[in-house]
Amino acid sequence: MADLTTKYLGLTLSSPLVASPSPQCEDIDNIRQMEDAGAAAVVLHSLFEEQIQLESLALDTHLSYGEQYAEAMSYYPDLNTTHLGPDLYLEHIRKAKEAVDIPIIGSLNGVSTGGWIEYAEKFAQAGADALELNMYFIPTDPNIPAAEVEEMYCRLLRDVKAGIDIPVAVKLGHHFTSIPDIGRKLNAEGADALVLFNRFYQPDFDLEKLEIKSTLTLSSPYEILLRLHWVAILHAQIKADLAVTGGVHDHIGVLKSMMAGAKVAMMTSAILQNGIGHFARVKQDLANWMEDKEYDSITQMQGSMSYGKVENPGAFQRGNYMKVVSSHILRDLP
């Protein structure tokens, strides 16, 4: 049987299948089921910077960068009731570690520097095997240049790394002028892995009530293409591990992620749609495909279709754009 093991964040995992953050991760029984179904590690739901600030009574109308108008505060949920609070989150890490043998990765979501970063150390003390630093920042102030945003990311990672000795993965969005540059900078600051990409949930308009409403849209398999593109490009350029998240729905998505150069493929939407048992189906389909194609191990294929390995690297550059556009034939409408 093919060897499915992979290394991510210095951890040896039984397969590249990782459960990414979701409400399912708030329940210990669900985490047990994930392990039983074949998930090789679990990234817990995020503890938000705002939750920690609320608990310490430090949250005011100035969150992160940029001014927040008072009426905009209505868009923040009651973070003490909709998610586990800081103390309960730490206890959740402890219970999860006691319940399963697979690695438990804590998740911190924030963008500013401050006392909340101390929780990274508390994650480690609670037993987390690693930390995923989820940087979710929407720049709205035109006076903040792009370089300052990037430095904010680097400074935050630097501060977190200074206080802990467990591996740190940085989860990024794809809205950067140069992804290789920010990837290189974060790698230099000590990022042990980059998780590509964060899915930014966009507000929608309610035309009847003339209100802004929050919407949750699950990912589709099409979304993996953006991830594959950049993982393949970054694979030989940085030393940090790479993880694909967003658009991984089946064993095909996992295989493509590995060949692009990822160490793990993370799933949430597919599990929410198909149930926790979907991990077992994907793992079996992955093993069957590898046996059929005579692959001995996951590591054998990792990076095999990355930018530096394919015969036509132009497929990752403008060449692909020109080829696709020029091959499109406009047909006469009836």
C-alpha atoms as a PDB file:
ATOM      1  CA  MET A   1       0.000   0.000   0.000  1.00  0.00           C
ATOM      2  CA  ALA A   2       1.211   3.492  -0.802  1.00  0.00           C
ATOM      3  CA  ASP A   3       2.771   5.503   1.997  1.00  0.00           C
ATOM      4  CA  LEU A   4       0.492   8.496   2.696  1.00  0.00           C
ATOM      5  CA  THR A   5       2.644  10.106   5.396  1.00  0.00           C
ATOM      6  CA  THR A   6       3.826  13.676   5.060  1.00  0.00           C
ATOM      7  CA  LYS A   7       5.653  16.211   7.192  1.00  0.00           C
ATOM      8  CA  TYR A   8       4.059  19.537   8.021  1.00  0.00           C
ATOM      9  CA  LEU A   9       5.260  22.082  10.580  1.00  0.00           C
ATOM     10  CA  GLY A  10       7.844  19.567  11.706  1.00  0.00           C
ATOM     11  CA  LEU A  11       5.090  17.085  12.527  1.00  0.00           C
ATOM     12  CA  THR A  12       4.859  13.652  10.927  1.00  0.00           C
ATOM     13  CA  LEU A  13       1.275  13.180   9.751  1.00  0.00           C
ATOM     14  CA  SER A  14      -0.333   9.909   8.699  1.00  0.00           C
ATOM     15  CA  SER A  15      -1.704  11.565   5.558  1.00  0.00           C
ATOM     16  CA  PRO A  16      -1.981  15.043   4.003  1.00  0.00           C
ATOM     17  CA  LEU A  17      -5.643  15.325   5.038  1.00  0.00           C
ATOM     18  CA  VAL A  18      -6.126  18.097   7.591  1.00  0.00           C
ATOM     19  CA  ALA A  19      -9.352  19.474   9.043  1.00  0.00           C
ATOM     20  CA  SER A  20      -9.309  23.250   8.686  1.00  0.00           C
ATOM     21  CA  PRO A  21     -11.151  25.588  11.083  1.00  0.00           C
ATOM     22  CA  SER A  22     -14.926  25.252  11.250  1.00  0.00           C
ATOM     23  CA  PRO A  23     -17.680  25.192  13.887  1.00  0.00           C
ATOM     24  CA  GLN A  24     -17.321  21.397  13.879  1.00  0.00           C
ATOM     25  CA  CYS A  25     -13.968  21.805  15.602  1.00  0.00           C
ATOM     26  CA  GLU A  26     -15.663  23.298  18.660  1.00  0.00           C
ATOM     27  CA  ASP A  27     -16.954  19.842  19.682  1.00  0.00           C
ATOM     28  CA  ILE A  28     -14.584  17.236  21.137  1.00  0.00           C
ATOM     29  CA  ASP A  29     -16.705  14.347  19.847  1.00  0.00           C
ATOM     30  CA  ASN A  30     -16.419  15.757  16.341  1.00  0.00           C
ATOM     31  CA  ILE A  31     -12.646  15.914  16.664  1.00  0.00           C
ATOM     32  CA  ARG A  32     -12.621  12.261  17.747  1.00  0.00           C
ATOM     33  CA  GLN A  33     -14.712  11.387  14.696  1.00  0.00           C
ATOM     34  CA  MET A  34     -12.325  13.317  12.463  1.00  0.00           C
ATOM     35  CA  GLU A  35      -9.409  11.283  13.772  1.00  0.00           C
ATOM     36  CA  ASP A  36     -11.328   8.030  13.306  1.00  0.00           C
ATOM     37  CA  ALA A  37     -12.273   9.002   9.755  1.00  0.00           C
ATOM     38  CA  GLY A  38      -8.689   9.698   8.761  1.00  0.00           C
ATOM     39  CA  ALA A  39      -7.952  13.354   9.416  1.00  0.00           C
ATOM     40  CA  ALA A  40      -4.239  13.524  10.191  1.00  0.00           C
ATOM     41  CA  ALA A  41      -4.464  16.803  12.134  1.00  0.00           C
ATOM     42  CA  VAL A  42      -7.086  19.330  13.172  1.00  0.00           C
ATOM     43  CA  VAL A  43      -6.830  23.104  13.035  1.00  0.00           C
ATOM     44  CA  LEU A  44      -9.220  24.448  15.627  1.00  0.00           C
ATOM     45  CA  HIS A  45     -11.639  27.279  14.963  1.00  0.00           C
ATOM     46  CA  SER A  46     -10.073  30.702  15.457  1.00  0.00           C
ATOM     47  CA  LEU A  47      -9.832  32.652  18.666  1.00  0.00           C
ATOM     48  CA  PHE A  48     -10.311  36.237  17.558  1.00  0.00           C
ATOM     49  CA  GLU A  49      -8.259  39.184  18.686  1.00  0.00           C
ATOM     50  CA  GLU A  50     -11.545  40.962  19.401  1.00  0.00           C
ATOM     51  CA  GLN A  51     -12.638  38.224  21.809  1.00  0.00           C
ATOM     52  CA  ILE A  52      -9.509  38.652  23.877  1.00  0.00           C
ATOM     53  CA  GLN A  53      -9.819  42.421  23.839  1.00  0.00           C
ATOM     54  CA  LEU A  54     -13.435  42.191  24.921  1.00  0.00           C
ATOM     55  CA  GLU A  55     -12.543  39.998  27.860  1.00  0.00           C
ATOM     56  CA  SER A  56      -9.955  42.500  29.035  1.00  0.00           C
ATOM     57  CA  LEU A  57     -12.352  45.419  28.400  1.00  0.00           C
ATOM     58  CA  ALA A  58      -9.857  46.835  25.923  1.00  0.00           C
ATOM     59  CA  LEU A  59     -12.124  46.847  22.864  1.00  0.00           C
ATOM     60  CA  ASP A  60     -13.246  50.286  21.797  1.00  0.00           C
ATOM     61  CA  THR A  61     -14.073  51.850  18.465  1.00  0.00           C
ATOM     62  CA  HIS A  62     -10.515  51.476  17.215  1.00  0.00           C
ATOM     63  CA  LEU A  63      -9.979  47.839  16.202  1.00  0.00           C
ATOM     64  CA  SER A  64      -6.761  47.001  14.393  1.00  0.00           C
ATOM     65  CA  TYR A  65      -5.996  49.698  11.810  1.00  0.00           C
ATOM     66  CA  GLY A  66      -8.401  52.351  10.665  1.00  0.00           C
ATOM     67  CA  GLU A  67     -11.205  54.120  12.447  1.00  0.00           C
ATOM     68  CA  GLN A  68     -14.415  52.196  13.046  1.00  0.00           C
ATOM     69  CA  TYR A  69     -17.549  54.307  13.322  1.00  0.00           C
ATOM     70  CA  ALA A  70     -19.758  53.678  16.321  1.00  0.00           C
ATOM     71  CA  GLU A  71     -22.654  52.408  14.217  1.00  0.00           C
ATOM     72  CA  ALA A  72     -20.333  49.890  12.580  1.00  0.00           C
ATOM     73  CA  MET A  73     -19.947  48.139  15.926  1.00  0.00           C
ATOM     74  CA  SER A  74     -23.355  46.584  15.343  1.00  0.00           C
ATOM     75  CA  TYR A  75     -21.704  44.322  12.783  1.00  0.00           C
ATOM     76  CA  TYR A  76     -19.608  42.642  15.468  1.00  0.00           C
ATOM     77  CA  PRO A  77     -21.423  39.671  17.024  1.00  0.00           C
ATOM     78  CA  ASP A  78     -21.446  38.972  20.724  1.00  0.00           C
ATOM     79  CA  LEU A  79     -18.070  37.264  20.618  1.00  0.00           C
ATOM     80  CA  ASN A  80     -18.399  35.974  24.160  1.00  0.00           C
ATOM     81  CA  THR A  81     -21.417  33.885  23.254  1.00  0.00           C
ATOM     82  CA  THR A  82     -21.014  32.947  19.603  1.00  0.00           C
ATOM     83  CA  HIS A  83     -17.601  31.321  20.102  1.00  0.00           C
ATOM     84  CA  LEU A  84     -15.619  29.858  22.949  1.00  0.00           C
ATOM     85  CA  GLY A  85     -14.127  32.666  25.013  1.00  0.00           C
ATOM     86  CA  PRO A  86     -10.363  32.819  25.626  1.00  0.00           C
ATOM     87  CA  ASP A  87     -10.306  30.713  28.799  1.00  0.00           C
ATOM     88  CA  LEU A  88     -12.700  28.124  27.390  1.00  0.00           C
ATOM     89  CA  TYR A  89     -10.645  27.998  24.206  1.00  0.00           C
ATOM     90  CA  LEU A  90      -7.511  27.094  26.169  1.00  0.00           C
ATOM     91  CA  GLU A  91      -9.449  24.414  28.005  1.00  0.00           C
ATOM     92  CA  HIS A  92     -10.721  23.156  24.642  1.00  0.00           C
ATOM     93  CA  ILE A  93      -7.128  22.694  23.480  1.00  0.00           C
ATOM     94  CA  ARG A  94      -6.345  20.664  26.597  1.00  0.00           C
ATOM     95  CA  LYS A  95      -9.408  18.458  26.180  1.00  0.00           C
ATOM     96  CA  ALA A  96      -8.734  17.908  22.490  1.00  0.00           C
ATOM     97  CA  LYS A  97      -5.158  16.843  23.231  1.00  0.00           C
ATOM     98  CA  GLU A  98      -6.425  14.374  25.811  1.00  0.00           C
ATOM     99  CA  ALA A  99      -9.083  13.009  23.460  1.00  0.00           C
ATOM    100  CA  VAL A 100      -7.034  12.280  20.336  1.00  0.00           C
ATOM    101  CA  ASP A 101      -3.537  11.303  19.258  1.00  0.00           C
ATOM    102  CA  ILE A 102      -3.360  13.462  16.129  1.00  0.00           C
ATOM    103  CA  PRO A 103      -1.807  16.949  16.291  1.00  0.00           C
ATOM    104  CA  ILE A 104      -4.025  19.823  17.424  1.00  0.00           C
ATOM    105  CA  ILE A 105      -3.236  23.183  15.868  1.00  0.00           C
ATOM    106  CA  GLY A 106      -4.596  26.304  17.535  1.00  0.00           C
ATOM    107  CA  SER A 107      -5.722  29.278  15.474  1.00  0.00           C
ATOM    108  CA  LEU A 108      -5.353  32.960  16.364  1.00  0.00           C
ATOM    109  CA  ASN A 109      -7.154  35.498  14.181  1.00  0.00           C
ATOM    110  CA  GLY A 110      -5.971  39.090  14.342  1.00  0.00           C
ATOM    111  CA  VAL A 111      -3.914  41.839  12.772  1.00  0.00           C
ATOM    112  CA  SER A 112      -2.767  44.345  15.387  1.00  0.00           C
ATOM    113  CA  THR A 113       0.020  44.052  17.918  1.00  0.00           C
ATOM    114  CA  GLY A 114      -0.889  44.052  21.591  1.00  0.00           C
ATOM    115  CA  GLY A 115      -1.525  41.952  24.656  1.00  0.00           C
ATOM    116  CA  TRP A 116      -3.677  39.430  22.807  1.00  0.00           C
ATOM    117  CA  ILE A 117      -0.508  38.021  21.209  1.00  0.00           C
ATOM    118  CA  GLU A 118       0.374  36.575  24.626  1.00  0.00           C
ATOM    119  CA  TYR A 119      -2.296  33.968  23.945  1.00  0.00           C
ATOM    120  CA  ALA A 120       0.048  32.330  21.456  1.00  0.00           C
ATOM    121  CA  GLU A 121       2.207  31.326  24.424  1.00  0.00           C
ATOM    122  CA  LYS A 122      -0.887  30.173  26.308  1.00  0.00           C
ATOM    123  CA  PHE A 123      -1.793  27.973  23.333  1.00  0.00           C
ATOM    124  CA  ALA A 124       1.582  26.286  23.646  1.00  0.00           C
ATOM    125  CA  GLN A 125       1.191  25.884  27.387  1.00  0.00           C
ATOM    126  CA  ALA A 126      -2.241  24.307  26.859  1.00  0.00           C
ATOM    127  CA  GLY A 127      -0.641  21.677  24.644  1.00  0.00           C
ATOM    128  CA  ALA A 128      -1.179  22.894  21.082  1.00  0.00           C
ATOM    129  CA  ASP A 129       1.263  21.219  18.705  1.00  0.00           C
ATOM    130  CA  ALA A 130       1.435  24.297  16.483  1.00  0.00           C
ATOM    131  CA  LEU A 131      -0.219  27.640  15.849  1.00  0.00           C
ATOM    132  CA  GLU A 132      -1.957  28.900  12.737  1.00  0.00           C
ATOM    133  CA  LEU A 133      -1.846  32.684  12.643  1.00  0.00           C
ATOM    134  CA  ASN A 134      -4.867  33.746  10.614  1.00  0.00           C
ATOM    135  CA  MET A 135      -4.230  37.268   9.336  1.00  0.00           C
ATOM    136  CA  TYR A 136      -7.573  38.617   8.150  1.00  0.00           C
ATOM    137  CA  PHE A 137      -7.198  42.301   7.407  1.00  0.00           C
ATOM    138  CA  ILE A 138      -9.200  44.451   5.013  1.00  0.00           C
ATOM    139  CA  PRO A 139      -7.342  47.714   4.313  1.00  0.00           C
ATOM    140  CA  THR A 140      -9.879  50.508   3.849  1.00  0.00           C
ATOM    141  CA  ASP A 141      -7.760  53.573   4.631  1.00  0.00           C
ATOM    142  CA  PRO A 142      -6.172  54.958   1.422  1.00  0.00           C
ATOM    143  CA  ASN A 143      -3.479  56.606   3.540  1.00  0.00           C
ATOM    144  CA  ILE A 144      -2.009  53.243   4.524  1.00  0.00           C
ATOM    145  CA  PRO A 145       0.464  52.173   1.814  1.00  0.00           C
ATOM    146  CA  ALA A 146       0.852  48.555   0.768  1.00  0.00           C
ATOM    147  CA  ALA A 147       4.343  48.370   2.255  1.00  0.00           C
ATOM    148  CA  GLU A 148       2.948  49.297   5.671  1.00  0.00           C
ATOM    149  CA  VAL A 149       0.342  46.532   5.455  1.00  0.00           C
ATOM    150  CA  GLU A 150       3.034  44.006   4.634  1.00  0.00           C
ATOM    151  CA  GLU A 151       5.210  45.246   7.482  1.00  0.00           C
ATOM    152  CA  MET A 152       2.227  44.861   9.818  1.00  0.00           C
ATOM    153  CA  TYR A 153       2.043  41.181   8.860  1.00  0.00           C
ATOM    154  CA  CYS A 154       5.770  40.703   9.377  1.00  0.00           C
ATOM    155  CA  ARG A 155       5.766  42.554  12.709  1.00  0.00           C
ATOM    156  CA  LEU A 156       2.881  40.476  14.006  1.00  0.00           C
ATOM    157  CA  LEU A 157       4.594  37.228  13.052  1.00  0.00           C
ATOM    158  CA  ARG A 158       7.834  38.469  14.598  1.00  0.00           C
ATOM    159  CA  ASP A 159       6.106  39.249  17.895  1.00  0.00           C
ATOM    160  CA  VAL A 160       4.326  35.894  17.984  1.00  0.00           C
ATOM    161  CA  LYS A 161       7.465  33.905  17.190  1.00  0.00           C
ATOM    162  CA  ALA A 162       9.374  35.727  19.917  1.00  0.00           C
ATOM    163  CA  GLY A 163       7.095  34.336  22.602  1.00  0.00           C
ATOM    164  CA  ILE A 164       6.657  30.666  21.660  1.00  0.00           C
ATOM    165  CA  ASP A 165       8.709  27.665  20.641  1.00  0.00           C
ATOM    166  CA  ILE A 166       6.041  25.736  18.726  1.00  0.00           C
ATOM    167  CA  PRO A 167       5.800  25.961  14.909  1.00  0.00           C
ATOM    168  CA  VAL A 168       3.782  28.804  13.398  1.00  0.00           C
ATOM    169  CA  ALA A 169       1.869  28.731  10.118  1.00  0.00           C
ATOM    170  CA  VAL A 170       0.653  31.978   8.566  1.00  0.00           C
ATOM    171  CA  LYS A 171      -2.688  31.926   6.773  1.00  0.00           C
ATOM    172  CA  LEU A 172      -2.805  34.557   4.050  1.00  0.00           C
ATOM    173  CA  GLY A 173      -5.270  36.067   1.650  1.00  0.00           C
ATOM    174  CA  HIS A 174      -4.303  36.385  -2.002  1.00  0.00           C
ATOM    175  CA  HIS A 175      -4.685  40.182  -2.290  1.00  0.00           C
ATOM    176  CA  PHE A 176      -1.006  41.084  -2.428  1.00  0.00           C
ATOM    177  CA  THR A 177       0.800  42.866  -5.230  1.00  0.00           C
ATOM    178  CA  SER A 178       3.602  40.303  -5.042  1.00  0.00           C
ATOM    179  CA  ILE A 179       2.811  37.030  -3.303  1.00  0.00           C
ATOM    180  CA  PRO A 180       6.375  35.691  -3.742  1.00  0.00           C
ATOM    181  CA  ASP A 181       7.715  38.811  -2.018  1.00  0.00           C
ATOM    182  CA  ILE A 182       5.404  38.638   1.023  1.00  0.00           C
ATOM    183  CA  GLY A 183       6.009  34.885   1.158  1.00  0.00           C
ATOM    184  CA  ARG A 184       9.775  35.461   1.215  1.00  0.00           C
ATOM    185  CA  LYS A 185       9.467  38.135   3.902  1.00  0.00           C
ATOM    186  CA  LEU A 186       7.320  35.960   6.161  1.00  0.00           C
ATOM    187  CA  ASN A 187       9.669  33.045   5.621  1.00  0.00           C
ATOM    188  CA  ALA A 188      12.561  35.267   6.711  1.00  0.00           C
ATOM    189  CA  GLU A 189      10.617  36.258   9.839  1.00  0.00           C
ATOM    190  CA  GLY A 190      10.331  32.618  10.828  1.00  0.00           C
ATOM    191  CA  ALA A 191       7.078  31.359   9.335  1.00  0.00           C
ATOM    192  CA  ASP A 192       7.226  27.565   9.415  1.00  0.00           C
ATOM    193  CA  ALA A 193       4.416  27.289   6.870  1.00  0.00           C
ATOM    194  CA  LEU A 194       2.185  29.388   4.650  1.00  0.00           C
ATOM    195  CA  VAL A 195      -1.477  28.435   4.316  1.00  0.00           C
ATOM    196  CA  LEU A 196      -2.922  29.565   0.965  1.00  0.00           C
ATOM    197  CA  PHE A 197      -5.433  31.118   0.880  1.00  0.00           C
ATOM    198  CA  ASN A 198      -7.800  32.683   3.372  1.00  0.00           C
ATOM    199  CA  ARG A 199     -11.322  33.069   1.987  1.00  0.00           C
ATOM    200  CA  PHE A 200     -12.544  36.615   2.523  1.00  0.00           C
ATOM    201  CA  TYR A 201     -16.280  36.574   3.174  1.00  0.00           C
ATOM    202  CA  GLN A 202     -17.890  39.481   1.387  1.00  0.00           C
ATOM    203  CA  PRO A 203     -20.941  41.369   2.667  1.00  0.00           C
ATOM    204  CA  ASP A 204     -24.064  41.236   0.511  1.00  0.00           C
ATOM    205  CA  PHE A 205     -26.809  43.808  -0.092  1.00  0.00           C
ATOM    206  CA  ASP A 206     -30.398  43.190   0.944  1.00  0.00           C
ATOM    207  CA  LEU A 207     -32.342  45.204  -1.647  1.00  0.00           C
ATOM    208  CA  GLU A 208     -35.659  44.882   0.190  1.00  0.00           C
ATOM    209  CA  LYS A 209     -34.447  46.101   3.583  1.00  0.00           C
ATOM    210  CA  LEU A 210     -31.619  48.214   2.111  1.00  0.00           C
ATOM    211  CA  GLU A 211     -29.230  46.681   4.592  1.00  0.00           C
ATOM    212  CA  ILE A 212     -25.843  45.054   4.485  1.00  0.00           C
ATOM    213  CA  LYS A 213     -26.033  41.386   5.392  1.00  0.00           C
ATOM    214  CA  SER A 214     -23.400  38.813   6.187  1.00  0.00           C
ATOM    215  CA  THR A 215     -23.348  35.686   4.047  1.00  0.00           C
ATOM    216  CA  LEU A 216     -21.489  32.391   4.295  1.00  0.00           C
ATOM    217  CA  THR A 217     -20.705  30.707   0.985  1.00  0.00           C
ATOM    218  CA  LEU A 218     -19.013  27.334   0.998  1.00  0.00           C
ATOM    219  CA  SER A 219     -16.096  26.822  -1.338  1.00  0.00           C
ATOM    220  CA  SER A 220     -16.318  25.106  -4.714  1.00  0.00           C
ATOM    221  CA  PRO A 221     -13.686  22.865  -6.347  1.00  0.00           C
ATOM    222  CA  TYR A 222     -12.960  25.643  -8.866  1.00  0.00           C
ATOM    223  CA  GLU A 223     -11.387  27.759  -6.117  1.00  0.00           C
ATOM    224  CA  ILE A 224      -8.472  25.366  -5.789  1.00  0.00           C
ATOM    225  CA  LEU A 225      -6.964  26.640  -9.057  1.00  0.00           C
ATOM    226  CA  LEU A 226      -5.770  29.895  -7.505  1.00  0.00           C
ATOM    227  CA  ARG A 227      -4.163  27.945  -4.671  1.00  0.00           C
ATOM    228  CA  LEU A 228      -2.443  25.486  -7.000  1.00  0.00           C
ATOM    229  CA  HIS A 229      -1.067  28.341  -9.095  1.00  0.00           C
ATOM    230  CA  TRP A 230       0.709  30.059  -6.209  1.00  0.00           C
ATOM    231  CA  VAL A 231       1.780  26.958  -4.322  1.00  0.00           C
ATOM    232  CA  ALA A 232       3.453  25.731  -7.520  1.00  0.00           C
ATOM    233  CA  ILE A 233       5.258  29.054  -7.920  1.00  0.00           C
ATOM    234  CA  LEU A 234       6.351  29.317  -4.269  1.00  0.00           C
ATOM    235  CA  HIS A 235       7.407  25.702  -3.881  1.00  0.00           C
ATOM    236  CA  ALA A 236      11.058  26.134  -4.843  1.00  0.00           C
ATOM    237  CA  GLN A 237      11.350  29.746  -3.723  1.00  0.00           C
ATOM    238  CA  ILE A 238      10.781  29.515   0.024  1.00  0.00           C
ATOM    239  CA  LYS A 239      11.706  26.986   2.674  1.00  0.00           C
ATOM    240  CA  ALA A 240       8.460  27.206   4.635  1.00  0.00           C
ATOM    241  CA  ASP A 241       5.974  24.374   4.208  1.00  0.00           C
ATOM    242  CA  LEU A 242       2.963  25.109   2.024  1.00  0.00           C
ATOM    243  CA  ALA A 243      -0.639  24.153   2.694  1.00  0.00           C
ATOM    244  CA  VAL A 244      -3.635  24.412   0.383  1.00  0.00           C
ATOM    245  CA  THR A 245      -6.955  25.465   1.864  1.00  0.00           C
ATOM    246  CA  GLY A 246     -10.068  26.407  -0.082  1.00  0.00           C
ATOM    247  CA  GLY A 247     -11.518  24.291  -2.878  1.00  0.00           C
ATOM    248  CA  VAL A 248     -10.221  20.893  -1.709  1.00  0.00           C
ATOM    249  CA  HIS A 249     -13.277  18.646  -2.002  1.00  0.00           C
ATOM    250  CA  ASP A 250     -11.998  15.188  -2.966  1.00  0.00           C
ATOM    251  CA  HIS A 251      -8.903  13.079  -3.558  1.00  0.00           C
ATOM    252  CA  ILE A 252      -8.299  14.802  -6.884  1.00  0.00           C
ATOM    253  CA  GLY A 253      -7.921  18.130  -5.086  1.00  0.00           C
ATOM    254  CA  VAL A 254      -5.529  16.525  -2.608  1.00  0.00           C
ATOM    255  CA  LEU A 255      -3.421  14.996  -5.385  1.00  0.00           C
ATOM    256  CA  LYS A 256      -3.202  18.266  -7.287  1.00  0.00           C
ATOM    257  CA  SER A 257      -2.219  20.076  -4.089  1.00  0.00           C
ATOM    258  CA  MET A 258       0.604  17.608  -3.474  1.00  0.00           C
ATOM    259  CA  MET A 259       1.899  17.825  -7.037  1.00  0.00           C
ATOM    260  CA  ALA A 260       1.889  21.613  -6.849  1.00  0.00           C
ATOM    261  CA  GLY A 261       4.137  21.380  -3.800  1.00  0.00           C
ATOM    262  CA  ALA A 262       1.892  21.432  -0.743  1.00  0.00           C
ATOM    263  CA  LYS A 263       2.588  19.298   2.310  1.00  0.00           C
ATOM    264  CA  VAL A 264      -1.067  19.116   3.352  1.00  0.00           C
ATOM    265  CA  ALA A 265      -4.519  19.796   1.910  1.00  0.00           C
ATOM    266  CA  MET A 266      -7.127  21.232   4.248  1.00  0.00           C
ATOM    267  CA  MET A 267     -10.876  20.687   4.042  1.00  0.00           C
ATOM    268  CA  THR A 268     -13.872  22.403   5.609  1.00  0.00           C
ATOM    269  CA  SER A 269     -16.632  22.968   3.055  1.00  0.00           C
ATOM    270  CA  ALA A 270     -16.525  19.390   1.775  1.00  0.00           C
ATOM    271  CA  ILE A 271     -16.858  18.096   5.337  1.00  0.00           C
ATOM    272  CA  LEU A 272     -19.738  20.447   6.129  1.00  0.00           C
ATOM    273  CA  GLN A 273     -21.489  19.276   2.965  1.00  0.00           C
ATOM    274  CA  ASN A 274     -20.759  15.554   3.183  1.00  0.00           C
ATOM    275  CA  GLY A 275     -20.177  14.862   6.862  1.00  0.00           C
ATOM    276  CA  ILE A 276     -17.061  13.965   8.830  1.00  0.00           C
ATOM    277  CA  GLY A 277     -17.035  10.494   7.254  1.00  0.00           C
ATOM    278  CA  HIS A 278     -15.966  12.154   4.004  1.00  0.00           C
ATOM    279  CA  PHE A 279     -12.383  12.093   5.302  1.00  0.00           C
ATOM    280  CA  ALA A 280     -12.430   8.284   5.111  1.00  0.00           C
ATOM    281  CA  ARG A 281     -13.722   8.277   1.527  1.00  0.00           C
ATOM    282  CA  VAL A 282     -11.137  10.802   0.376  1.00  0.00           C
ATOM    283  CA  LYS A 283      -8.327   8.902   2.079  1.00  0.00           C
ATOM    284  CA  GLN A 284      -9.362   5.592   0.498  1.00  0.00           C
ATOM    285  CA  ASP A 285      -9.773   7.166  -2.937  1.00  0.00           C
ATOM    286  CA  LEU A 286      -6.338   8.758  -2.526  1.00  0.00           C
ATOM    287  CA  ALA A 287      -4.725   5.418  -1.686  1.00  0.00           C
ATOM    288  CA  ASN A 288      -6.513   3.651  -4.557  1.00  0.00           C
ATOM    289  CA  TRP A 289      -5.407   6.280  -7.097  1.00  0.00           C
ATOM    290  CA  MET A 290      -1.803   6.098  -5.958  1.00  0.00           C
ATOM    291  CA  GLU A 291      -1.790   2.309  -6.135  1.00  0.00           C
ATOM    292  CA  ASP A 292      -3.351   2.378  -9.598  1.00  0.00           C
ATOM    293  CA  LYS A 293      -0.772   4.895 -10.859  1.00  0.00           C
ATOM    294  CA  GLU A 294       2.062   3.092  -9.035  1.00  0.00           C
ATOM    295  CA  TYR A 295       3.055   5.895  -6.711  1.00  0.00           C
ATOM    296  CA  ASP A 296       4.929   4.594  -3.690  1.00  0.00           C
ATOM    297  CA  SER A 297       4.460   7.622  -1.454  1.00  0.00           C
ATOM    298  CA  ILE A 298       2.990  11.096  -1.084  1.00  0.00           C
ATOM    299  CA  THR A 299       6.475  12.599  -0.829  1.00  0.00           C
ATOM    300  CA  GLN A 300       7.296  11.123  -4.238  1.00  0.00           C
ATOM    301  CA  MET A 301       4.747  13.387  -5.913  1.00  0.00           C
ATOM    302  CA  GLN A 302       5.118  16.545  -3.802  1.00  0.00           C
ATOM    303  CA  GLY A 303       6.245  19.390  -6.029  1.00  0.00           C
ATOM    304  CA  SER A 304       6.409  17.210  -9.149  1.00  0.00           C
ATOM    305  CA  MET A 305       4.286  19.730 -11.088  1.00  0.00           C
ATOM    306  CA  SER A 306       5.614  22.889  -9.475  1.00  0.00           C
ATOM    307  CA  TYR A 307       6.989  25.873 -11.364  1.00  0.00           C
ATOM    308  CA  GLY A 308      10.546  24.589 -11.333  1.00  0.00           C
ATOM    309  CA  LYS A 309       9.673  21.048 -12.421  1.00  0.00           C
ATOM    310  CA  VAL A 310       7.271  21.344 -15.359  1.00  0.00           C
ATOM    311  CA  GLU A 311       8.524  21.519 -18.944  1.00  0.00           C
ATOM    312  CA  ASN A 312       6.543  24.684 -19.632  1.00  0.00           C
ATOM    313  CA  PRO A 313       6.784  27.103 -16.677  1.00  0.00           C
ATOM    314  CA  GLY A 314       5.137  29.704 -18.903  1.00  0.00           C
ATOM    315  CA  ALA A 315       1.876  28.026 -17.951  1.00  0.00           C
ATOM    316  CA  PHE A 316       2.179  29.860 -14.632  1.00  0.00           C
ATOM    317  CA  GLN A 317       2.918  33.189 -16.278  1.00  0.00           C
ATOM    318  CA  ARG A 318       1.424  35.357 -19.038  1.00  0.00           C
ATOM    319  CA  GLY A 319       1.867  32.529 -21.534  1.00  0.00           C
ATOM    320  CA  ASN A 320      -1.111  30.706 -20.092  1.00  0.00           C
ATOM    321  CA  TYR A 321      -3.278  33.828 -20.274  1.00  0.00           C
ATOM    322  CA  MET A 322      -2.413  34.395 -23.939  1.00  0.00           C
ATOM    323  CA  LYS A 323      -2.988  30.752 -24.804  1.00  0.00           C
ATOM    324  CA  VAL A 324      -6.397  30.639 -23.145  1.00  0.00           C
ATOM    325  CA  VAL A 325      -7.582  33.921 -24.641  1.00  0.00           C
ATOM    326  CA  SER A 326      -6.317  33.165 -28.154  1.00  0.00           C
ATOM    327  CA  SER A 327      -7.879  29.692 -28.116  1.00  0.00           C
ATOM    328  CA  HIS A 328     -11.340  31.039 -27.347  1.00  0.00           C
ATOM    329  CA  ILE A 329     -13.512  30.932 -30.449  1.00  0.00           C
ATOM    330  CA  LEU A 330     -16.489  33.215 -30.704  1.00  0.00           C
ATOM    331  CA  ARG A 331     -19.293  31.294 -32.337  1.00  0.00           C
ATOM    332  CA  ASP A 332     -22.049  32.919 -34.294  1.00  0.00           C
ATOM    333  CA  LEU A 333     -25.196  33.222 -32.303  1.00  0.00           C
ATOM    334  CA  PRO A 334     -28.250  31.535 -33.890  1.00  0.00           C
END
